[in-house]
Amino acid sequence: MAGENHSTAGEEKATSRGQSEANRRLKYISLAVLVVQNASLILSIRYVRTLPGDRFFTTSAVVMAEVLKVLTCLLIILLQRRFNVKDTVYFLVDSIVFQYKDTLKLAVPSLIYTLQNNLQYVAISNLPAATFQVTYQLKILTTALFSVLMLRKSLSRVQWVSLLLLFAGVAIVQVQQEGNKEASVSGDSNQNYSVGLVAVVISCLSSGFAGVYFEKILKGSSASVWVRNVQLGIFGTALGMLGLWWNDGAAIARHGFLFGYTEMVWCVIFNQAFGGLLVAVVVKYADNILKGFATSFSIVVSTVMSVYLFGFHVDLLFTAGAGLVIGAVYMYSLPKASSSSSSSSSSSSSAAVPRTVGPELEAFLPKSAAKQKGS
């Protein structure tokens, strides 16, 4: 009897060790995916927007990414339904049409995410990739402020300090860029630093509001991430087409929807459409600290690659500002100090809000948008 118990305990220990090793491996994979997706999207957009020759219409790229995302999610839902077309159609009609009130809730965040996707193209077209990557971390500040105002969430003292450091770091980078903006945009007369800065600030505000609003209206929702992406994508495609007609309608009528599309442009669109969905799959294996580290590391990657690809100049002021931002992102992701009151409040919060919904949604939705919290 004792021998059997010893054998069982040994098997359980071996199984636990194997699971721990698998989880550690999945965390490293998640880190790699998050870093590559964060850095590659920004660098690739910057690259295709600074190439000589015919430029594609960014409004058409936003619409195309939405269409591809919807088609991908529909295929995944069909796969989950064992390729039963009839059952899938009934399920989608019930989830989207019959539960129309639930679907309509996503109209507002979808509008904001569509605006945000267009603004990202404007910002990256006018700002160095490294500057955009650093400045875009203001979305952490806006998300935190909207969470406090709209959801009555509390932040720890460390998080408040990290937000101040974040703002200071971004401000230092802007001071540095203000002194060098003539040189940074001299290679292309179409670039306007002020337009890019306004675009990224509005994008950060919209990102923070949309993520918190998304969490607020979807508390207790049981819909899967794929259904949510289909609902968002339907609105996103319609609103994107409206923006396309308003901004580039006449030009697209002359040149065509796919004008200026190259292999690299298609890579950007596929990255925007599928990269976010891929993050949605792996993000549940990444805790907040890992996400913060991934964001910080992607800033470093973007900066280093910008030096080699675009001749970006890194000086002491930029290094100091970026360093503050990287440190602030990591500090903000640290867990709160454990206490009886905080643990009870966090457990009640976890019970009220589904783990699949939260301000982290922009990590994998069209921006990228709407981003669903997987961890």
Protein backbone atom coordinates (compact mmCIF):
# COMPACT_ATOMS: atom_id res chain seq x y z
CA MET A 1 0.00 0.00 0.00
CA ALA A 2 2.80 2.37 0.96
CA GLY A 3 4.63 1.47 -2.24
CA GLU A 4 1.56 2.31 -4.33
CA ASN A 5 1.14 5.69 -2.61
CA HIS A 6 4.83 6.45 -3.18
CA SER A 7 4.48 5.51 -6.87
CA THR A 8 1.35 7.68 -7.26
CA ALA A 9 3.05 10.64 -5.59
CA GLY A 10 6.04 10.21 -7.90
CA GLU A 11 3.79 10.18 -10.97
CA GLU A 12 1.94 13.29 -9.81
CA LYS A 13 5.24 15.08 -9.17
CA ALA A 14 6.51 14.14 -12.63
CA THR A 15 3.25 15.28 -14.23
CA SER A 16 3.37 18.57 -12.32
CA ARG A 17 6.98 19.10 -13.40
CA GLY A 18 6.04 18.41 -17.01
CA GLN A 19 3.14 20.86 -16.87
CA SER A 20 5.37 23.51 -15.30
CA GLU A 21 7.94 23.06 -18.07
CA ALA A 22 5.20 23.29 -20.73
CA ASN A 23 3.78 26.45 -19.17
CA ARG A 24 7.25 28.01 -19.03
CA ARG A 25 7.76 27.19 -22.71
CA LEU A 26 4.36 28.66 -23.60
CA LYS A 27 5.25 31.85 -21.72
CA TYR A 28 8.43 32.27 -23.76
CA ILE A 29 6.48 31.64 -26.96
CA SER A 30 3.88 34.20 -25.85
CA LEU A 31 6.63 36.73 -25.14
CA ALA A 32 8.13 36.21 -28.59
CA VAL A 33 4.76 36.54 -30.34
CA LEU A 34 3.85 39.71 -28.44
CA VAL A 35 7.21 41.36 -29.13
CA VAL A 36 7.27 40.42 -32.83
CA GLN A 37 3.67 41.52 -33.41
CA ASN A 38 4.09 44.83 -31.56
CA ALA A 39 7.34 45.80 -33.27
CA SER A 40 6.80 44.36 -36.75
CA LEU A 41 3.44 46.04 -37.35
CA ILE A 42 4.77 49.52 -36.57
CA LEU A 43 8.03 49.03 -38.47
CA SER A 44 6.31 47.56 -41.52
CA ILE A 45 3.72 50.34 -41.70
CA ARG A 46 6.47 52.94 -41.42
CA TYR A 47 8.46 51.15 -44.12
CA VAL A 48 5.65 50.95 -46.70
CA ARG A 49 4.58 54.54 -46.04
CA THR A 50 8.08 55.89 -46.71
CA LEU A 51 8.82 53.92 -49.88
CA PRO A 52 8.99 55.90 -53.13
CA GLY A 53 6.30 55.36 -55.75
CA ASP A 54 2.52 55.06 -55.63
CA ARG A 55 1.12 55.04 -52.11
CA PHE A 56 -1.81 52.80 -51.24
CA PHE A 57 -4.94 54.23 -49.66
CA THR A 58 -4.77 53.62 -45.92
CA THR A 59 -8.57 53.65 -45.66
CA SER A 60 -8.72 50.67 -48.04
CA ALA A 61 -6.08 48.84 -45.98
CA VAL A 62 -8.19 49.31 -42.82
CA VAL A 63 -11.27 47.89 -44.58
CA MET A 64 -9.31 44.98 -46.05
CA ALA A 65 -7.90 44.07 -42.62
CA GLU A 66 -11.41 44.07 -41.15
CA VAL A 67 -12.74 41.84 -43.93
CA LEU A 68 -9.89 39.34 -43.50
CA LYS A 69 -10.40 39.32 -39.73
CA VAL A 70 -14.12 38.59 -40.07
CA LEU A 71 -13.52 35.81 -42.61
CA THR A 72 -10.89 34.24 -40.34
CA CYS A 73 -13.16 34.32 -37.30
CA LEU A 74 -16.03 32.83 -39.33
CA LEU A 75 -13.73 30.00 -40.42
CA ILE A 76 -12.70 29.35 -36.80
CA ILE A 77 -16.35 29.28 -35.68
CA LEU A 78 -17.12 26.87 -38.55
CA LEU A 79 -14.22 24.69 -37.40
CA GLN A 80 -15.54 24.73 -33.83
CA ARG A 81 -18.91 23.58 -35.20
CA ARG A 82 -17.19 20.67 -36.98
CA PHE A 83 -17.81 22.26 -40.40
CA ASN A 84 -21.57 21.98 -39.94
CA VAL A 85 -22.63 24.92 -42.14
CA LYS A 86 -26.30 24.82 -41.13
CA ASP A 87 -25.50 24.78 -37.42
CA THR A 88 -22.94 27.59 -37.86
CA VAL A 89 -25.44 29.78 -39.74
CA TYR A 90 -28.11 29.26 -37.06
CA PHE A 91 -25.56 30.04 -34.34
CA LEU A 92 -24.40 33.25 -36.04
CA VAL A 93 -27.95 34.42 -36.78
CA ASP A 94 -28.89 33.85 -33.16
CA SER A 95 -25.73 35.55 -31.80
CA ILE A 96 -25.74 38.53 -34.15
CA VAL A 97 -29.31 39.08 -35.39
CA PHE A 98 -31.67 37.75 -32.73
CA GLN A 99 -29.47 39.10 -29.93
CA TYR A 100 -29.27 42.42 -31.75
CA LYS A 101 -29.16 44.47 -28.56
CA ASP A 102 -25.93 42.74 -27.58
CA THR A 103 -24.56 43.28 -31.09
CA LEU A 104 -25.48 46.97 -31.14
CA LYS A 105 -23.47 47.51 -27.97
CA LEU A 106 -20.36 47.05 -30.08
CA ALA A 107 -21.20 49.86 -32.52
CA VAL A 108 -19.52 52.54 -30.38
CA PRO A 109 -16.23 50.68 -29.67
CA SER A 110 -16.12 49.56 -33.30
CA LEU A 111 -16.43 53.18 -34.45
CA ILE A 112 -13.60 54.16 -32.10
CA TYR A 113 -11.38 51.27 -33.17
CA THR A 114 -11.93 52.10 -36.86
CA LEU A 115 -10.95 55.70 -36.17
CA GLN A 116 -7.96 54.47 -34.19
CA ASN A 117 -6.74 52.20 -37.01
CA ASN A 118 -6.88 55.07 -39.49
CA LEU A 119 -5.12 57.40 -37.05
CA GLN A 120 -2.33 54.86 -36.57
CA TYR A 121 -1.54 55.01 -40.28
CA VAL A 122 -1.54 58.82 -40.13
CA ALA A 123 0.72 58.87 -37.06
CA ILE A 124 3.22 56.28 -38.29
CA SER A 125 3.35 57.96 -41.72
CA ASN A 126 4.46 61.21 -40.05
CA LEU A 127 6.52 60.05 -37.05
CA PRO A 128 9.68 57.95 -36.74
CA ALA A 129 8.73 54.39 -35.75
CA ALA A 130 10.66 54.57 -32.46
CA THR A 131 9.04 57.89 -31.53
CA PHE A 132 5.59 56.50 -32.28
CA GLN A 133 6.27 53.35 -30.26
CA VAL A 134 7.34 55.36 -27.21
CA THR A 135 4.57 57.98 -27.49
CA TYR A 136 1.89 55.35 -28.07
CA GLN A 137 2.48 54.01 -24.57
CA LEU A 138 0.38 56.96 -23.39
CA LYS A 139 -2.51 54.54 -24.01
CA ILE A 140 -1.59 52.99 -20.64
CA LEU A 141 -2.12 56.37 -18.98
CA THR A 142 -5.45 57.02 -20.74
CA THR A 143 -6.71 53.48 -20.05
CA ALA A 144 -5.82 53.83 -16.36
CA LEU A 145 -7.54 57.23 -16.05
CA PHE A 146 -10.70 56.03 -17.83
CA SER A 147 -10.73 52.90 -15.63
CA VAL A 148 -10.64 55.07 -12.51
CA LEU A 149 -13.32 57.45 -13.81
CA MET A 150 -15.70 54.99 -15.48
CA LEU A 151 -15.17 51.74 -13.59
CA ARG A 152 -14.16 53.19 -10.20
CA LYS A 153 -11.04 51.05 -10.18
CA SER A 154 -8.26 51.80 -7.74
CA LEU A 155 -4.58 52.03 -8.62
CA SER A 156 -1.71 51.26 -6.32
CA ARG A 157 0.83 53.89 -5.33
CA VAL A 158 3.43 52.23 -7.56
CA GLN A 159 1.05 52.42 -10.53
CA TRP A 160 0.42 56.15 -9.99
CA VAL A 161 4.17 56.75 -9.82
CA SER A 162 4.67 54.70 -12.99
CA LEU A 163 2.04 56.82 -14.80
CA LEU A 164 3.89 60.00 -13.82
CA LEU A 165 7.17 58.50 -15.06
CA LEU A 166 5.44 57.42 -18.27
CA PHE A 167 4.18 60.94 -18.94
CA ALA A 168 7.59 62.42 -18.12
CA GLY A 169 9.35 59.96 -20.44
CA VAL A 170 7.02 60.73 -23.36
CA ALA A 171 7.42 64.47 -22.72
CA ILE A 172 11.23 64.16 -22.81
CA VAL A 173 11.04 62.29 -26.13
CA GLN A 174 8.80 65.00 -27.57
CA VAL A 175 11.24 67.72 -26.46
CA GLN A 176 14.05 65.80 -28.15
CA GLN A 177 12.00 65.33 -31.33
CA GLU A 178 10.96 68.99 -31.35
CA GLY A 179 14.60 69.92 -31.64
CA ASN A 180 15.26 67.38 -34.40
CA LYS A 181 11.96 67.31 -36.28
CA GLU A 182 13.28 69.32 -39.19
CA ALA A 183 15.95 66.70 -39.74
CA SER A 184 13.61 63.78 -39.07
CA VAL A 185 11.12 64.76 -41.76
CA SER A 186 13.45 66.48 -44.20
CA GLY A 187 13.67 63.35 -46.33
CA ASP A 188 9.98 63.50 -47.20
CA SER A 189 8.06 66.73 -47.68
CA ASN A 190 4.79 64.84 -47.19
CA GLN A 191 5.61 64.16 -43.52
CA ASN A 192 4.32 66.51 -40.84
CA TYR A 193 5.49 65.90 -37.27
CA SER A 194 2.68 67.93 -35.69
CA VAL A 195 0.01 65.98 -37.59
CA GLY A 196 1.60 62.71 -36.50
CA LEU A 197 1.76 63.80 -32.87
CA VAL A 198 -1.88 64.89 -32.81
CA ALA A 199 -2.89 61.61 -34.46
CA VAL A 200 -1.06 59.46 -31.91
CA VAL A 201 -2.46 61.43 -28.95
CA ILE A 202 -6.04 61.09 -30.24
CA SER A 203 -5.35 57.41 -30.92
CA CYS A 204 -4.20 56.93 -27.30
CA LEU A 205 -7.31 58.68 -25.98
CA SER A 206 -9.60 56.60 -28.18
CA SER A 207 -7.74 53.41 -27.28
CA GLY A 208 -8.13 54.03 -23.54
CA PHE A 209 -11.79 54.98 -23.77
CA ALA A 210 -12.73 52.14 -26.13
CA GLY A 211 -11.06 49.47 -24.01
CA VAL A 212 -12.72 50.63 -20.78
CA TYR A 213 -16.10 51.19 -22.48
CA PHE A 214 -15.85 47.71 -23.96
CA GLU A 215 -15.29 46.23 -20.52
CA LYS A 216 -18.09 48.29 -18.99
CA ILE A 217 -20.80 47.25 -21.48
CA LEU A 218 -19.77 43.61 -21.71
CA LYS A 219 -19.60 42.67 -18.04
CA GLY A 220 -21.07 39.22 -17.61
CA SER A 221 -21.11 38.49 -21.34
CA SER A 222 -20.57 34.86 -22.29
CA ALA A 223 -19.91 35.35 -26.03
CA SER A 224 -16.65 33.94 -27.35
CA VAL A 225 -13.80 36.12 -28.58
CA TRP A 226 -14.44 34.94 -32.14
CA VAL A 227 -18.10 36.00 -32.10
CA ARG A 228 -17.08 39.37 -30.63
CA ASN A 229 -14.54 39.82 -33.40
CA VAL A 230 -17.18 39.04 -36.04
CA GLN A 231 -19.56 41.59 -34.49
CA LEU A 232 -16.81 44.20 -34.27
CA GLY A 233 -15.65 43.38 -37.78
CA ILE A 234 -19.11 43.83 -39.31
CA PHE A 235 -19.41 47.32 -37.84
CA GLY A 236 -15.73 48.02 -38.56
CA THR A 237 -16.10 47.11 -42.23
CA ALA A 238 -19.23 49.24 -42.66
CA LEU A 239 -17.72 52.23 -40.84
CA GLY A 240 -14.42 51.77 -42.66
CA MET A 241 -16.21 51.83 -46.01
CA LEU A 242 -17.95 55.03 -44.94
CA GLY A 243 -14.60 56.61 -44.04
CA LEU A 244 -13.11 55.36 -47.31
CA TRP A 245 -15.92 56.97 -49.33
CA TRP A 246 -15.67 60.22 -47.36
CA ASN A 247 -11.90 60.61 -47.49
CA ASP A 248 -10.71 58.80 -50.63
CA GLY A 249 -13.89 58.03 -52.58
CA ALA A 250 -13.07 60.05 -55.69
CA ALA A 251 -9.43 58.89 -55.84
CA ILE A 252 -10.38 55.22 -55.37
CA ALA A 253 -13.01 55.54 -58.09
CA ARG A 254 -10.23 56.70 -60.43
CA HIS A 255 -7.41 54.36 -59.42
CA GLY A 256 -9.14 51.36 -57.88
CA PHE A 257 -9.47 49.85 -54.39
CA LEU A 258 -6.14 47.99 -54.55
CA PHE A 259 -4.13 50.89 -55.98
CA GLY A 260 -0.54 50.89 -54.70
CA TYR A 261 -0.80 47.43 -53.13
CA THR A 262 2.51 45.55 -53.15
CA GLU A 263 3.66 42.34 -51.48
CA MET A 264 4.85 44.40 -48.51
CA VAL A 265 1.50 46.20 -48.20
CA TRP A 266 -0.25 42.83 -48.12
CA CYS A 267 2.14 41.74 -45.37
CA VAL A 268 1.14 44.80 -43.32
CA ILE A 269 -2.57 44.05 -43.82
CA PHE A 270 -2.16 40.37 -42.93
CA ASN A 271 -0.16 41.36 -39.85
CA GLN A 272 -2.88 43.77 -38.77
CA ALA A 273 -5.68 41.26 -39.38
CA PHE A 274 -4.10 38.02 -38.18
CA GLY A 275 -1.42 39.28 -35.81
CA GLY A 276 -3.99 40.54 -33.35
CA LEU A 277 -5.96 37.29 -33.52
CA LEU A 278 -2.79 35.32 -32.93
CA VAL A 279 -2.09 37.43 -29.85
CA ALA A 280 -5.63 36.63 -28.68
CA VAL A 281 -4.67 32.96 -28.63
CA VAL A 282 -1.33 33.27 -26.83
CA VAL A 283 -2.07 36.17 -24.50
CA LYS A 284 -3.80 33.91 -21.97
CA TYR A 285 -0.43 32.32 -21.27
CA ALA A 286 1.15 35.69 -20.49
CA ASP A 287 0.69 37.39 -17.14
CA ASN A 288 0.73 41.18 -16.73
CA ILE A 289 4.46 41.25 -15.98
CA LEU A 290 5.23 39.34 -19.17
CA LYS A 291 2.99 41.69 -21.18
CA GLY A 292 4.78 44.69 -19.71
CA PHE A 293 8.16 43.16 -20.48
CA ALA A 294 7.03 42.40 -24.04
CA THR A 295 5.93 46.00 -24.55
CA SER A 296 9.21 47.31 -23.16
CA PHE A 297 11.27 44.94 -25.28
CA SER A 298 9.30 45.86 -28.43
CA ILE A 299 10.25 49.53 -27.85
CA VAL A 300 13.91 48.50 -27.81
CA VAL A 301 13.47 46.39 -30.94
CA SER A 302 11.67 49.19 -32.78
CA THR A 303 14.36 51.70 -31.83
CA VAL A 304 17.24 49.46 -32.90
CA MET A 305 15.55 48.52 -36.19
CA SER A 306 14.70 52.19 -36.86
CA VAL A 307 18.39 53.03 -36.66
CA TYR A 308 19.24 50.45 -39.33
CA LEU A 309 16.15 50.80 -41.55
CA PHE A 310 15.41 54.52 -41.41
CA GLY A 311 18.63 56.11 -40.15
CA PHE A 312 16.95 57.14 -36.89
CA HIS A 313 19.29 59.08 -34.59
CA VAL A 314 19.31 58.04 -30.94
CA ASP A 315 20.75 60.65 -28.59
CA LEU A 316 21.02 60.91 -24.81
CA LEU A 317 17.68 62.74 -24.43
CA PHE A 318 15.75 60.12 -26.41
CA THR A 319 17.48 57.31 -24.49
CA ALA A 320 16.50 58.92 -21.17
CA GLY A 321 12.88 59.42 -22.22
CA ALA A 322 12.54 55.93 -23.70
CA GLY A 323 14.20 54.46 -20.60
CA LEU A 324 11.64 56.17 -18.36
CA VAL A 325 8.80 54.83 -20.51
CA ILE A 326 10.19 51.29 -20.49
CA GLY A 327 10.62 51.39 -16.71
CA ALA A 328 7.14 52.86 -16.23
CA VAL A 329 5.52 50.16 -18.38
CA TYR A 330 7.24 47.45 -16.33
CA MET A 331 6.35 49.13 -13.01
CA TYR A 332 2.70 49.49 -14.01
CA SER A 333 2.48 45.78 -14.82
CA LEU A 334 3.75 44.70 -11.39
CA PRO A 335 1.13 43.07 -9.15
CA LYS A 336 -0.33 45.11 -6.31
CA ALA A 337 1.01 44.52 -2.81
CA SER A 338 -0.92 41.65 -1.27
CA SER A 339 -3.24 42.50 1.57
CA SER A 340 -6.47 41.11 2.86
CA SER A 341 -8.51 44.03 1.63
CA SER A 342 -6.93 44.16 -1.80
CA SER A 343 -7.18 40.41 -2.26
CA SER A 344 -10.87 40.39 -1.38
CA SER A 345 -11.61 43.31 -3.67
CA SER A 346 -9.65 41.76 -6.52
CA SER A 347 -11.46 38.44 -6.12
CA SER A 348 -14.85 40.14 -6.21
CA SER A 349 -13.73 42.13 -9.23
CA SER A 350 -12.63 38.93 -10.97
CA ALA A 351 -16.03 37.41 -10.30
CA ALA A 352 -17.84 40.41 -11.74
CA VAL A 353 -15.74 40.85 -14.87
CA PRO A 354 -15.10 37.91 -17.22
CA ARG A 355 -11.42 37.12 -17.73
CA THR A 356 -11.89 37.40 -21.46
CA VAL A 357 -12.90 41.06 -21.42
CA GLY A 358 -10.89 44.08 -20.37
CA PRO A 359 -8.94 47.15 -21.38
CA GLU A 360 -6.19 44.88 -22.72
CA LEU A 361 -8.58 44.19 -25.64
CA GLU A 362 -6.61 46.53 -27.99
CA ALA A 363 -3.79 44.09 -27.88
CA PHE A 364 -5.38 41.84 -30.39
CA LEU A 365 -8.47 43.46 -31.85
CA PRO A 366 -8.22 45.59 -35.01
CA LYS A 367 -5.96 48.04 -33.74
CA SER A 368 -5.47 46.80 -32.89
CA ALA A 369 -7.55 47.01 -31.66
CA ALA A 370 -10.39 45.74 -29.70
CA LYS A 371 -8.41 43.58 -27.52
CA GLN A 372 -9.78 40.86 -25.38
CA LYS A 373 -8.13 40.02 -22.08
CA GLY A 374 -7.03 36.47 -22.21
CA SER A 375 -5.13 36.17 -18.98
